């Protein structure tokens, strides 16, 4: 008696997923540039947010983190400029 079983794989292209959903590159770049060059972090994070909403790709959290960090740096610079202009001379 032969106990070996043969297996055949049937590939049906109609049942394949459309495309693998990966992490959006703009969202990743937005987070990276938030630490390196924050104006580009704002731009890439905004593009990443748009892409994740439109495509359904992953990375929305990365884009939100990049946008938050970039905007906090903008607020810190504004606060430093205001402090230097009005608070330091008193």
PDB file of N, CA and C in Angstrom:
ATOM      1  N   UNK A   1       0.826  -1.178   0.000  1.00  0.00           N
ATOM      2  CA  UNK A   1       0.000   0.000   0.000  1.00  0.00           C
ATOM      3  C   UNK A   1       0.875   1.248   0.000  1.00  0.00           C
ATOM      4  N   UNK A   2       0.546   2.198  -0.783  1.00  0.00           N
ATOM      5  CA  UNK A   2       1.326   3.427  -0.905  1.00  0.00           C
ATOM      6  C   UNK A   2       0.693   4.500  -0.020  1.00  0.00           C
ATOM      7  N   UNK A   3       1.438   4.943   1.018  1.00  0.00           N
ATOM      8  CA  UNK A   3       0.912   5.942   1.958  1.00  0.00           C
ATOM      9  C   UNK A   3       1.269   7.367   1.576  1.00  0.00           C
ATOM     10  N   UNK A   4       1.964   7.528   0.500  1.00  0.00           N
ATOM     11  CA  UNK A   4       2.318   8.891   0.105  1.00  0.00           C
ATOM     12  C   UNK A   4       1.135   9.544  -0.577  1.00  0.00           C
ATOM     13  N   UNK A   5       0.950  10.801  -0.245  1.00  0.00           N
ATOM     14  CA  UNK A   5      -0.141  11.554  -0.846  1.00  0.00           C
ATOM     15  C   UNK A   5       0.449  12.632  -1.733  1.00  0.00           C
ATOM     16  N   UNK A   6      -0.172  12.825  -2.819  1.00  0.00           N
ATOM     17  CA  UNK A   6       0.288  13.889  -3.693  1.00  0.00           C
ATOM     18  C   UNK A   6      -0.608  15.095  -3.493  1.00  0.00           C
ATOM     19  N   UNK A   7      -0.006  16.215  -3.551  1.00  0.00           N
ATOM     20  CA  UNK A   7      -0.741  17.456  -3.360  1.00  0.00           C
ATOM     21  C   UNK A   7      -0.573  18.303  -4.612  1.00  0.00           C
ATOM     22  N   UNK A   8      -1.656  18.824  -5.072  1.00  0.00           N
ATOM     23  CA  UNK A   8      -1.585  19.742  -6.193  1.00  0.00           C
ATOM     24  C   UNK A   8      -2.102  21.092  -5.725  1.00  0.00           C
ATOM     25  N   UNK A   9      -1.472  22.106  -6.196  1.00  0.00           N
ATOM     26  CA  UNK A   9      -1.863  23.466  -5.848  1.00  0.00           C
ATOM     27  C   UNK A   9      -2.558  24.051  -7.061  1.00  0.00           C
ATOM     28  N   UNK A  10      -3.755  24.505  -6.855  1.00  0.00           N
ATOM     29  CA  UNK A  10      -4.500  25.130  -7.929  1.00  0.00           C
ATOM     30  C   UNK A  10      -4.443  26.639  -7.743  1.00  0.00           C
ATOM     31  N   UNK A  11      -3.854  27.296  -8.698  1.00  0.00           N
ATOM     32  CA  UNK A  11      -3.754  28.747  -8.637  1.00  0.00           C
ATOM     33  C   UNK A  11      -4.879  29.342  -9.462  1.00  0.00           C
ATOM     34  N   UNK A  12      -5.736  30.061  -8.787  1.00  0.00           N
ATOM     35  CA  UNK A  12      -6.872  30.688  -9.447  1.00  0.00           C
ATOM     36  C   UNK A  12      -6.684  32.202  -9.397  1.00  0.00           C
ATOM     37  N   UNK A  13      -6.285  32.819 -10.507  1.00  0.00           N
ATOM     38  CA  UNK A  13      -6.015  34.265 -10.494  1.00  0.00           C
ATOM     39  C   UNK A  13      -7.217  35.109 -10.118  1.00  0.00           C
ATOM     40  N   UNK A  14      -8.416  34.607 -10.280  1.00  0.00           N
ATOM     41  CA  UNK A  14      -9.596  35.402  -9.930  1.00  0.00           C
ATOM     42  C   UNK A  14      -9.754  35.575  -8.430  1.00  0.00           C
ATOM     43  N   UNK A  15      -9.137  34.691  -7.648  1.00  0.00           N
ATOM     44  CA  UNK A  15      -9.253  34.781  -6.189  1.00  0.00           C
ATOM     45  C   UNK A  15      -8.041  35.423  -5.536  1.00  0.00           C
ATOM     46  N   UNK A  16      -7.109  35.908  -6.316  1.00  0.00           N
ATOM     47  CA  UNK A  16      -5.931  36.568  -5.754  1.00  0.00           C
ATOM     48  C   UNK A  16      -6.317  37.940  -5.245  1.00  0.00           C
ATOM     49  N   UNK A  17      -5.651  38.408  -4.186  1.00  0.00           N
ATOM     50  CA  UNK A  17      -5.909  39.784  -3.747  1.00  0.00           C
ATOM     51  C   UNK A  17      -5.379  40.778  -4.776  1.00  0.00           C
ATOM     52  N   UNK A  18      -5.973  41.960  -4.805  1.00  0.00           N
ATOM     53  CA  UNK A  18      -5.591  42.976  -5.786  1.00  0.00           C
ATOM     54  C   UNK A  18      -4.132  43.366  -5.678  1.00  0.00           C
ATOM     55  N   UNK A  19      -3.726  43.755  -4.513  1.00  0.00           N
ATOM     56  CA  UNK A  19      -2.320  44.068  -4.256  1.00  0.00           C
ATOM     57  C   UNK A  19      -2.109  44.054  -2.758  1.00  0.00           C
ATOM     58  N   UNK A  20      -0.900  43.777  -2.379  1.00  0.00           N
ATOM     59  CA  UNK A  20      -0.585  43.771  -0.957  1.00  0.00           C
ATOM     60  C   UNK A  20      -0.588  45.210  -0.450  1.00  0.00           C
ATOM     61  N   UNK A  21      -1.225  45.412   0.677  1.00  0.00           N
ATOM     62  CA  UNK A  21      -1.284  46.754   1.252  1.00  0.00           C
ATOM     63  C   UNK A  21      -0.096  46.905   2.184  1.00  0.00           C
ATOM     64  N   UNK A  22       0.797  47.824   1.845  1.00  0.00           N
ATOM     65  CA  UNK A  22       1.987  48.050   2.646  1.00  0.00           C
ATOM     66  C   UNK A  22       1.933  49.398   3.337  1.00  0.00           C
ATOM     67  N   UNK A  23       3.018  49.737   3.981  1.00  0.00           N
ATOM     68  CA  UNK A  23       3.119  51.019   4.657  1.00  0.00           C
ATOM     69  C   UNK A  23       3.459  52.097   3.636  1.00  0.00           C
ATOM     70  N   UNK A  24       2.770  53.200   3.722  1.00  0.00           N
ATOM     71  CA  UNK A  24       2.967  54.285   2.768  1.00  0.00           C
ATOM     72  C   UNK A  24       4.339  54.918   2.962  1.00  0.00           C
ATOM     73  N   UNK A  25       5.076  55.072   1.872  1.00  0.00           N
ATOM     74  CA  UNK A  25       6.434  55.623   1.938  1.00  0.00           C
ATOM     75  C   UNK A  25       6.429  57.083   2.374  1.00  0.00           C
ATOM     76  N   UNK A  26       5.426  57.850   1.975  1.00  0.00           N
ATOM     77  CA  UNK A  26       5.363  59.268   2.355  1.00  0.00           C
ATOM     78  C   UNK A  26       5.166  59.415   3.864  1.00  0.00           C
ATOM     79  N   UNK A  27       4.410  58.506   4.456  1.00  0.00           N
ATOM     80  CA  UNK A  27       4.205  58.555   5.902  1.00  0.00           C
ATOM     81  C   UNK A  27       5.513  58.283   6.640  1.00  0.00           C
ATOM     82  N   UNK A  28       6.274  57.324   6.143  1.00  0.00           N
ATOM     83  CA  UNK A  28       7.572  57.012   6.761  1.00  0.00           C
ATOM     84  C   UNK A  28       8.521  58.196   6.598  1.00  0.00           C
ATOM     85  N   UNK A  29       8.569  58.767   5.393  1.00  0.00           N
ATOM     86  CA  UNK A  29       9.434  59.927   5.159  1.00  0.00           C
ATOM     87  C   UNK A  29       9.003  61.116   6.000  1.00  0.00           C
ATOM     88  N   UNK A  30       7.706  61.272   6.211  1.00  0.00           N
ATOM     89  CA  UNK A  30       7.216  62.363   7.050  1.00  0.00           C
ATOM     90  C   UNK A  30       7.743  62.262   8.469  1.00  0.00           C
ATOM     91  N   UNK A  31       7.757  61.052   9.004  1.00  0.00           N
ATOM     92  CA  UNK A  31       8.277  60.869  10.360  1.00  0.00           C
ATOM     93  C   UNK A  31       9.785  61.078  10.407  1.00  0.00           C
ATOM     94  N   UNK A  32      10.496  60.589   9.418  1.00  0.00           N
ATOM     95  CA  UNK A  32      11.959  60.748   9.387  1.00  0.00           C
ATOM     96  C   UNK A  32      12.328  62.226   9.274  1.00  0.00           C
ATOM     97  N   UNK A  33      11.686  62.931   8.334  1.00  0.00           N
ATOM     98  CA  UNK A  33      12.008  64.340   8.135  1.00  0.00           C
ATOM     99  C   UNK A  33      11.517  65.218   9.285  1.00  0.00           C
ATOM    100  N   UNK A  34      10.599  64.736  10.087  1.00  0.00           N
ATOM    101  CA  UNK A  34      10.173  65.500  11.254  1.00  0.00           C
ATOM    102  C   UNK A  34      11.344  65.720  12.214  1.00  0.00           C
ATOM    103  N   UNK A  35      12.265  64.779  12.247  1.00  0.00           N
ATOM    104  CA  UNK A  35      13.428  64.905  13.121  1.00  0.00           C
ATOM    105  C   UNK A  35      14.606  65.586  12.431  1.00  0.00           C
ATOM    106  N   UNK A  36      14.666  65.501  11.114  1.00  0.00           N
ATOM    107  CA  UNK A  36      15.822  66.011  10.381  1.00  0.00           C
ATOM    108  C   UNK A  36      15.570  67.426   9.866  1.00  0.00           C
ATOM    109  N   UNK A  37      14.491  67.610   9.138  1.00  0.00           N
ATOM    110  CA  UNK A  37      14.177  68.892   8.510  1.00  0.00           C
ATOM    111  C   UNK A  37      12.662  69.058   8.553  1.00  0.00           C
ATOM    112  N   UNK A  38      12.180  69.703   9.615  1.00  0.00           N
ATOM    113  CA  UNK A  38      10.752  69.667   9.912  1.00  0.00           C
ATOM    114  C   UNK A  38       9.830  70.279   8.853  1.00  0.00           C
ATOM    115  N   UNK A  39      10.245  71.268   8.047  1.00  0.00           N
ATOM    116  CA  UNK A  39       9.309  71.702   6.995  1.00  0.00           C
ATOM    117  C   UNK A  39       8.986  70.584   5.993  1.00  0.00           C
ATOM    118  N   UNK A  40      10.004  69.791   5.659  1.00  0.00           N
ATOM    119  CA  UNK A  40       9.734  68.638   4.802  1.00  0.00           C
ATOM    120  C   UNK A  40       8.917  67.585   5.537  1.00  0.00           C
ATOM    121  N   UNK A  41       9.067  67.512   6.846  1.00  0.00           N
ATOM    122  CA  UNK A  41       8.249  66.594   7.642  1.00  0.00           C
ATOM    123  C   UNK A  41       6.780  66.929   7.552  1.00  0.00           C
ATOM    124  N   UNK A  42       6.454  68.218   7.523  1.00  0.00           N
ATOM    125  CA  UNK A  42       5.059  68.635   7.391  1.00  0.00           C
ATOM    126  C   UNK A  42       4.515  68.230   6.020  1.00  0.00           C
ATOM    127  N   UNK A  43       5.307  68.475   4.986  1.00  0.00           N
ATOM    128  CA  UNK A  43       4.861  68.174   3.617  1.00  0.00           C
ATOM    129  C   UNK A  43       4.668  66.671   3.424  1.00  0.00           C
ATOM    130  N   UNK A  44       5.675  65.880   3.790  1.00  0.00           N
ATOM    131  CA  UNK A  44       5.583  64.437   3.586  1.00  0.00           C
ATOM    132  C   UNK A  44       4.519  63.808   4.478  1.00  0.00           C
ATOM    133  N   UNK A  45       4.355  64.327   5.678  1.00  0.00           N
ATOM    134  CA  UNK A  45       3.304  63.796   6.553  1.00  0.00           C
ATOM    135  C   UNK A  45       1.924  64.089   5.987  1.00  0.00           C
ATOM    136  N   UNK A  46       1.743  65.277   5.435  1.00  0.00           N
ATOM    137  CA  UNK A  46       0.451  65.605   4.816  1.00  0.00           C
ATOM    138  C   UNK A  46       0.181  64.691   3.617  1.00  0.00           C
ATOM    139  N   UNK A  47       1.210  64.442   2.818  1.00  0.00           N
ATOM    140  CA  UNK A  47       1.046  63.519   1.688  1.00  0.00           C
ATOM    141  C   UNK A  47       0.759  62.100   2.173  1.00  0.00           C
ATOM    142  N   UNK A  48       1.416  61.702   3.248  1.00  0.00           N
ATOM    143  CA  UNK A  48       1.167  60.378   3.813  1.00  0.00           C
ATOM    144  C   UNK A  48      -0.242  60.233   4.348  1.00  0.00           C
ATOM    145  N   UNK A  49      -0.753  61.281   5.007  1.00  0.00           N
ATOM    146  CA  UNK A  49      -2.131  61.241   5.488  1.00  0.00           C
ATOM    147  C   UNK A  49      -3.120  61.133   4.329  1.00  0.00           C
ATOM    148  N   UNK A  50      -2.858  61.874   3.274  1.00  0.00           N
ATOM    149  CA  UNK A  50      -3.734  61.814   2.101  1.00  0.00           C
ATOM    150  C   UNK A  50      -3.701  60.425   1.461  1.00  0.00           C
ATOM    151  N   UNK A  51      -2.509  59.877   1.321  1.00  0.00           N
ATOM    152  CA  UNK A  51      -2.379  58.565   0.684  1.00  0.00           C
ATOM    153  C   UNK A  51      -3.022  57.459   1.502  1.00  0.00           C
ATOM    154  N   UNK A  52      -2.853  57.503   2.824  1.00  0.00           N
ATOM    155  CA  UNK A  52      -3.442  56.453   3.656  1.00  0.00           C
ATOM    156  C   UNK A  52      -4.961  56.533   3.634  1.00  0.00           C
ATOM    157  N   UNK A  53      -5.501  57.717   3.542  1.00  0.00           N
ATOM    158  CA  UNK A  53      -6.955  57.863   3.455  1.00  0.00           C
ATOM    159  C   UNK A  53      -7.455  57.391   2.095  1.00  0.00           C
ATOM    160  N   UNK A  54      -6.728  57.732   1.046  1.00  0.00           N
ATOM    161  CA  UNK A  54      -7.165  57.419  -0.313  1.00  0.00           C
ATOM    162  C   UNK A  54      -6.968  55.941  -0.653  1.00  0.00           C
ATOM    163  N   UNK A  55      -5.794  55.395  -0.354  1.00  0.00           N
ATOM    164  CA  UNK A  55      -5.450  54.030  -0.752  1.00  0.00           C
ATOM    165  C   UNK A  55      -5.844  52.979   0.274  1.00  0.00           C
ATOM    166  N   UNK A  56      -5.966  53.396   1.515  1.00  0.00           N
ATOM    167  CA  UNK A  56      -6.188  52.423   2.571  1.00  0.00           C
ATOM    168  C   UNK A  56      -4.907  51.745   3.014  1.00  0.00           C
ATOM    169  N   UNK A  57      -3.763  52.308   2.618  1.00  0.00           N
ATOM    170  CA  UNK A  57      -2.487  51.722   3.020  1.00  0.00           C
ATOM    171  C   UNK A  57      -2.209  52.032   4.480  1.00  0.00           C
ATOM    172  N   UNK A  58      -1.278  51.287   5.023  1.00  0.00           N
ATOM    173  CA  UNK A  58      -0.914  51.492   6.426  1.00  0.00           C
ATOM    174  C   UNK A  58       0.016  52.686   6.554  1.00  0.00           C
ATOM    175  N   UNK A  59       0.176  53.188   7.768  1.00  0.00           N
ATOM    176  CA  UNK A  59       1.111  54.271   8.012  1.00  0.00           C
ATOM    177  C   UNK A  59       0.455  55.554   8.489  1.00  0.00           C
ATOM    178  N   UNK A  60      -0.849  55.523   8.742  1.00  0.00           N
ATOM    179  CA  UNK A  60      -1.532  56.736   9.197  1.00  0.00           C
ATOM    180  C   UNK A  60      -0.951  57.228  10.520  1.00  0.00           C
ATOM    181  N   UNK A  61      -0.645  56.309  11.416  1.00  0.00           N
ATOM    182  CA  UNK A  61      -0.051  56.689  12.698  1.00  0.00           C
ATOM    183  C   UNK A  61       1.324  57.313  12.537  1.00  0.00           C
ATOM    184  N   UNK A  62       2.103  56.797  11.598  1.00  0.00           N
ATOM    185  CA  UNK A  62       3.414  57.380  11.332  1.00  0.00           C
ATOM    186  C   UNK A  62       3.275  58.800  10.797  1.00  0.00           C
ATOM    187  N   UNK A  63       2.318  58.994   9.888  1.00  0.00           N
ATOM    188  CA  UNK A  63       2.103  60.324   9.326  1.00  0.00           C
ATOM    189  C   UNK A  63       1.608  61.292  10.393  1.00  0.00           C
ATOM    190  N   UNK A  64       0.729  60.835  11.267  1.00  0.00           N
ATOM    191  CA  UNK A  64       0.249  61.699  12.349  1.00  0.00           C
ATOM    192  C   UNK A  64       1.376  62.055  13.313  1.00  0.00           C
ATOM    193  N   UNK A  65       2.225  61.096  13.614  1.00  0.00           N
ATOM    194  CA  UNK A  65       3.367  61.367  14.494  1.00  0.00           C
ATOM    195  C   UNK A  65       4.326  62.360  13.852  1.00  0.00           C
ATOM    196  N   UNK A  66       4.595  62.183  12.566  1.00  0.00           N
ATOM    197  CA  UNK A  66       5.474  63.117  11.855  1.00  0.00           C
ATOM    198  C   UNK A  66       4.905  64.521  11.820  1.00  0.00           C
ATOM    199  N   UNK A  67       3.602  64.624  11.580  1.00  0.00           N
ATOM    200  CA  UNK A  67       2.955  65.940  11.551  1.00  0.00           C
ATOM    201  C   UNK A  67       2.982  66.590  12.933  1.00  0.00           C
ATOM    202  N   UNK A  68       2.711  65.815  13.956  1.00  0.00           N
ATOM    203  CA  UNK A  68       2.706  66.348  15.325  1.00  0.00           C
ATOM    204  C   UNK A  68       4.081  66.846  15.727  1.00  0.00           C
ATOM    205  N   UNK A  69       5.104  66.051  15.487  1.00  0.00           N
ATOM    206  CA  UNK A  69       6.470  66.447  15.858  1.00  0.00           C
ATOM    207  C   UNK A  69       6.905  67.678  15.077  1.00  0.00           C
ATOM    208  N   UNK A  70       6.587  67.718  13.788  1.00  0.00           N
ATOM    209  CA  UNK A  70       6.960  68.878  12.962  1.00  0.00           C
ATOM    210  C   UNK A  70       6.262  70.142  13.441  1.00  0.00           C
ATOM    211  N   UNK A  71       4.975  70.038  13.722  1.00  0.00           N
ATOM    212  CA  UNK A  71       4.231  71.218  14.169  1.00  0.00           C
ATOM    213  C   UNK A  71       4.660  71.669  15.569  1.00  0.00           C
ATOM    214  N   UNK A  72       5.031  70.737  16.427  1.00  0.00           N
ATOM    215  CA  UNK A  72       5.559  71.125  17.735  1.00  0.00           C
ATOM    216  C   UNK A  72       6.878  71.883  17.599  1.00  0.00           C
ATOM    217  N   UNK A  73       7.682  71.501  16.627  1.00  0.00           N
ATOM    218  CA  UNK A  73       8.927  72.237  16.393  1.00  0.00           C
ATOM    219  C   UNK A  73       8.643  73.643  15.874  1.00  0.00           C
ATOM    220  N   UNK A  74       7.635  73.780  15.022  1.00  0.00           N
ATOM    221  CA  UNK A  74       7.245  75.111  14.541  1.00  0.00           C
ATOM    222  C   UNK A  74       6.788  75.975  15.721  1.00  0.00           C
ATOM    223  N   UNK A  75       5.956  75.411  16.593  1.00  0.00           N
ATOM    224  CA  UNK A  75       5.495  76.163  17.769  1.00  0.00           C
ATOM    225  C   UNK A  75       6.655  76.533  18.694  1.00  0.00           C
ATOM    226  N   UNK A  76       7.612  75.642  18.850  1.00  0.00           N
ATOM    227  CA  UNK A  76       8.772  75.938  19.697  1.00  0.00           C
ATOM    228  C   UNK A  76       9.601  77.078  19.108  1.00  0.00           C
ATOM    229  N   UNK A  77       9.770  77.109  17.813  1.00  0.00           N
ATOM    230  CA  UNK A  77      10.528  78.195  17.179  1.00  0.00           C
ATOM    231  C   UNK A  77       9.786  79.513  17.310  1.00  0.00           C
ATOM    232  N   UNK A  78       8.471  79.493  17.130  1.00  0.00           N
ATOM    233  CA  UNK A  78       7.677  80.716  17.297  1.00  0.00           C
ATOM    234  C   UNK A  78       7.777  81.208  18.728  1.00  0.00           C
ATOM    235  N   UNK A  79       7.699  80.290  19.691  1.00  0.00           N
ATOM    236  CA  UNK A  79       7.818  80.685  21.097  1.00  0.00           C
ATOM    237  C   UNK A  79       9.196  81.272  21.392  1.00  0.00           C
ATOM    238  N   UNK A  80      10.248  80.695  20.827  1.00  0.00           N
ATOM    239  CA  UNK A  80      11.595  81.230  21.044  1.00  0.00           C
ATOM    240  C   UNK A  80      11.758  82.618  20.425  1.00  0.00           C
ATOM    241  N   UNK A  81      11.194  82.812  19.251  1.00  0.00           N
ATOM    242  CA  UNK A  81      11.284  84.121  18.605  1.00  0.00           C
ATOM    243  C   UNK A  81      10.529  85.170  19.415  1.00  0.00           C
ATOM    244  N   UNK A  82       9.338  84.814  19.877  1.00  0.00           N
ATOM    245  CA  UNK A  82       8.566  85.748  20.697  1.00  0.00           C
ATOM    246  C   UNK A  82       9.257  86.034  22.025  1.00  0.00           C
ATOM    247  N   UNK A  83       9.841  85.021  22.612  1.00  0.00           N
ATOM    248  CA  UNK A  83      10.546  85.217  23.877  1.00  0.00           C
ATOM    249  C   UNK A  83      11.773  86.108  23.651  1.00  0.00           C
ATOM    250  N   UNK A  84      12.487  85.890  22.542  1.00  0.00           N
ATOM    251  CA  UNK A  84      13.665  86.700  22.258  1.00  0.00           C
ATOM    252  C   UNK A  84      13.271  88.145  21.958  1.00  0.00           C
ATOM    253  N   UNK A  85      12.140  88.325  21.320  1.00  0.00           N
ATOM    254  CA  UNK A  85      11.723  89.685  20.938  1.00  0.00           C
ATOM    255  C   UNK A  85      11.140  90.462  22.113  1.00  0.00           C
ATOM    256  N   UNK A  86      10.380  89.796  22.957  1.00  0.00           N
ATOM    257  CA  UNK A  86       9.657  90.535  24.003  1.00  0.00           C
ATOM    258  C   UNK A  86      10.083  90.186  25.420  1.00  0.00           C
ATOM    259  N   UNK A  87      10.493  88.965  25.668  1.00  0.00           N
ATOM    260  CA  UNK A  87      10.758  88.559  27.037  1.00  0.00           C
ATOM    261  C   UNK A  87      12.198  88.728  27.469  1.00  0.00           C
ATOM    262  N   UNK A  88      13.114  88.629  26.579  1.00  0.00           N
ATOM    263  CA  UNK A  88      14.530  88.652  26.970  1.00  0.00           C
ATOM    264  C   UNK A  88      15.010  90.037  27.330  1.00  0.00           C
ATOM    265  N   UNK A  89      14.391  91.067  26.789  1.00  0.00           N
ATOM    266  CA  UNK A  89      14.838  92.432  27.043  1.00  0.00           C
ATOM    267  C   UNK A  89      14.332  93.026  28.340  1.00  0.00           C
ATOM    268  N   UNK A  90      13.395  92.355  29.004  1.00  0.00           N
ATOM    269  CA  UNK A  90      12.818  92.920  30.237  1.00  0.00           C
ATOM    270  C   UNK A  90      13.713  92.769  31.416  1.00  0.00           C
TER     271      UNK A  90
END
